[in-house]
Protein backbone atom coordinates (compact mmCIF):
# COMPACT_ATOMS: atom_id res chain seq x y z
CA MET A 1 120.55 66.75 96.28
CA GLY A 2 117.66 64.26 96.32
CA ASP A 3 115.52 66.01 93.72
CA MET A 4 117.90 65.38 90.81
CA SER A 5 117.81 62.70 88.16
CA GLU A 6 120.77 60.39 87.64
CA ASP A 7 121.78 62.36 84.49
CA GLN A 8 121.65 65.61 86.44
CA GLU A 9 123.83 64.16 89.21
CA LYS A 10 126.31 63.00 86.59
CA ALA A 11 126.31 66.52 85.06
CA LEU A 12 127.02 68.03 88.45
CA GLU A 13 129.89 65.61 88.98
CA GLN A 14 131.26 66.37 85.49
CA PHE A 15 130.99 70.14 86.15
CA ARG A 16 132.77 69.80 89.49
CA LYS A 17 135.50 67.74 87.82
CA TYR A 18 135.90 70.33 85.04
CA ILE A 19 136.36 73.14 87.65
CA LYS A 20 138.90 71.10 89.63
CA ASP A 21 140.82 69.79 86.62
CA ASN A 22 141.12 73.25 85.13
CA ASN A 23 142.04 74.82 88.47
CA ILE A 24 139.33 77.41 88.09
CA THR A 25 138.55 77.85 91.75
CA GLU A 26 138.79 76.02 95.05
CA HIS A 27 136.79 78.56 97.02
CA PRO A 28 134.25 76.82 99.32
CA GLN A 29 131.59 79.28 98.13
CA TYR A 30 131.26 77.23 94.98
CA ASP A 31 129.62 74.19 96.56
CA ASP A 32 127.19 71.84 94.82
CA TYR A 33 124.18 74.09 95.46
CA TYR A 34 126.00 77.05 93.90
CA LEU A 35 127.15 75.09 90.89
CA LEU A 36 123.61 73.71 90.37
CA ARG A 37 122.43 77.30 89.72
CA PHE A 38 124.62 77.38 86.58
CA LEU A 39 123.59 73.91 85.46
CA ARG A 40 119.88 74.62 85.91
CA ALA A 41 120.16 78.01 84.20
CA ARG A 42 121.56 76.23 81.12
CA LYS A 43 119.25 73.17 81.42
CA PHE A 44 122.20 70.93 82.29
CA GLU A 45 123.84 71.52 78.86
CA MET A 46 127.52 71.26 79.82
CA ASP A 47 129.03 73.42 77.07
CA LYS A 48 126.64 76.26 77.81
CA THR A 49 127.13 75.89 81.54
CA ILE A 50 130.92 76.00 81.28
CA LEU A 51 130.76 79.04 79.02
CA MET A 52 128.47 80.83 81.49
CA PHE A 53 130.58 79.89 84.52
CA ASN A 54 133.88 80.94 82.83
CA THR A 55 132.29 84.28 81.78
CA PHE A 56 131.10 84.78 85.37
CA MET A 57 134.56 84.03 86.77
CA GLU A 58 136.24 86.36 84.26
CA TRP A 59 133.81 89.13 85.21
CA ARG A 60 134.61 88.62 88.89
CA LYS A 61 138.32 88.85 88.17
CA GLU A 62 138.06 91.90 85.89
CA ASN A 63 136.02 93.75 88.50
CA ASP A 64 138.11 92.51 91.45
CA VAL A 65 134.90 91.40 93.17
CA ASP A 66 136.65 89.22 95.71
CA ASN A 67 138.55 92.22 97.07
CA ILE A 68 135.95 94.93 96.65
CA LEU A 69 135.15 95.33 100.34
CA GLU A 70 138.84 95.58 101.27
CA VAL A 71 139.48 98.23 98.64
CA ARG A 72 136.39 100.21 99.55
CA GLU A 73 137.22 100.02 103.25
CA LYS A 74 140.67 101.53 102.61
CA GLN A 75 139.23 104.27 100.47
CA ILE A 76 136.56 105.02 103.02
CA LYS A 77 138.99 105.19 105.94
CA ASN A 78 141.12 107.63 104.03
CA ASN A 79 138.09 109.86 103.34
CA GLY A 80 136.82 109.87 106.93
CA THR A 81 133.79 107.73 106.28
CA SER A 82 132.54 104.84 108.40
CA VAL A 83 130.97 101.68 107.07
CA VAL A 84 128.29 99.56 108.66
CA ILE A 85 127.81 96.12 107.11
CA ARG A 86 124.59 94.50 108.21
CA SER A 87 123.24 91.09 107.27
CA GLN A 88 119.60 90.06 107.44
CA LYS A 89 118.94 86.40 106.71
CA LYS A 90 120.22 85.74 103.16
CA THR A 91 120.46 89.39 102.06
CA HIS A 92 123.49 91.55 102.82
CA TYR A 93 123.24 95.27 103.04
CA ILE A 94 126.11 97.76 103.10
CA TYR A 95 125.39 101.17 104.53
CA LEU A 96 127.80 104.06 104.13
CA ILE A 97 127.48 106.60 106.89
CA MET A 98 129.35 109.90 106.34
CA PHE A 99 130.86 111.59 109.34
CA ASP A 100 132.34 115.02 109.35
CA LYS A 101 135.60 114.56 111.39
CA SER A 102 135.72 118.16 112.55
CA SER A 103 132.23 118.65 114.01
CA ASN A 104 130.95 115.12 114.60
CA ASN A 105 127.96 115.87 112.38
CA VAL A 106 126.37 113.09 110.36
């Protein structure tokens, strides 16, 4: 993280500690680079960063974001639809392709 000041590095360490101490998440997705997005968005103001991150995590939980593909996949299989998930560099696309089971028409 070489482009950070000493105060910014301390803020990142404090933010990481807050997340761990409060058992908010242990998912590897939330690495230093990910957490820095929240810190930078709130200009390294810890109270604002924590509020933003907690709101973000609550939204993910309320909308069951972590399981959305599993739920959709089950719904789609029951409706006779196929799903193609394609990734290009850092962007992920999800294509839904409808198939008519009886006539093999798309």
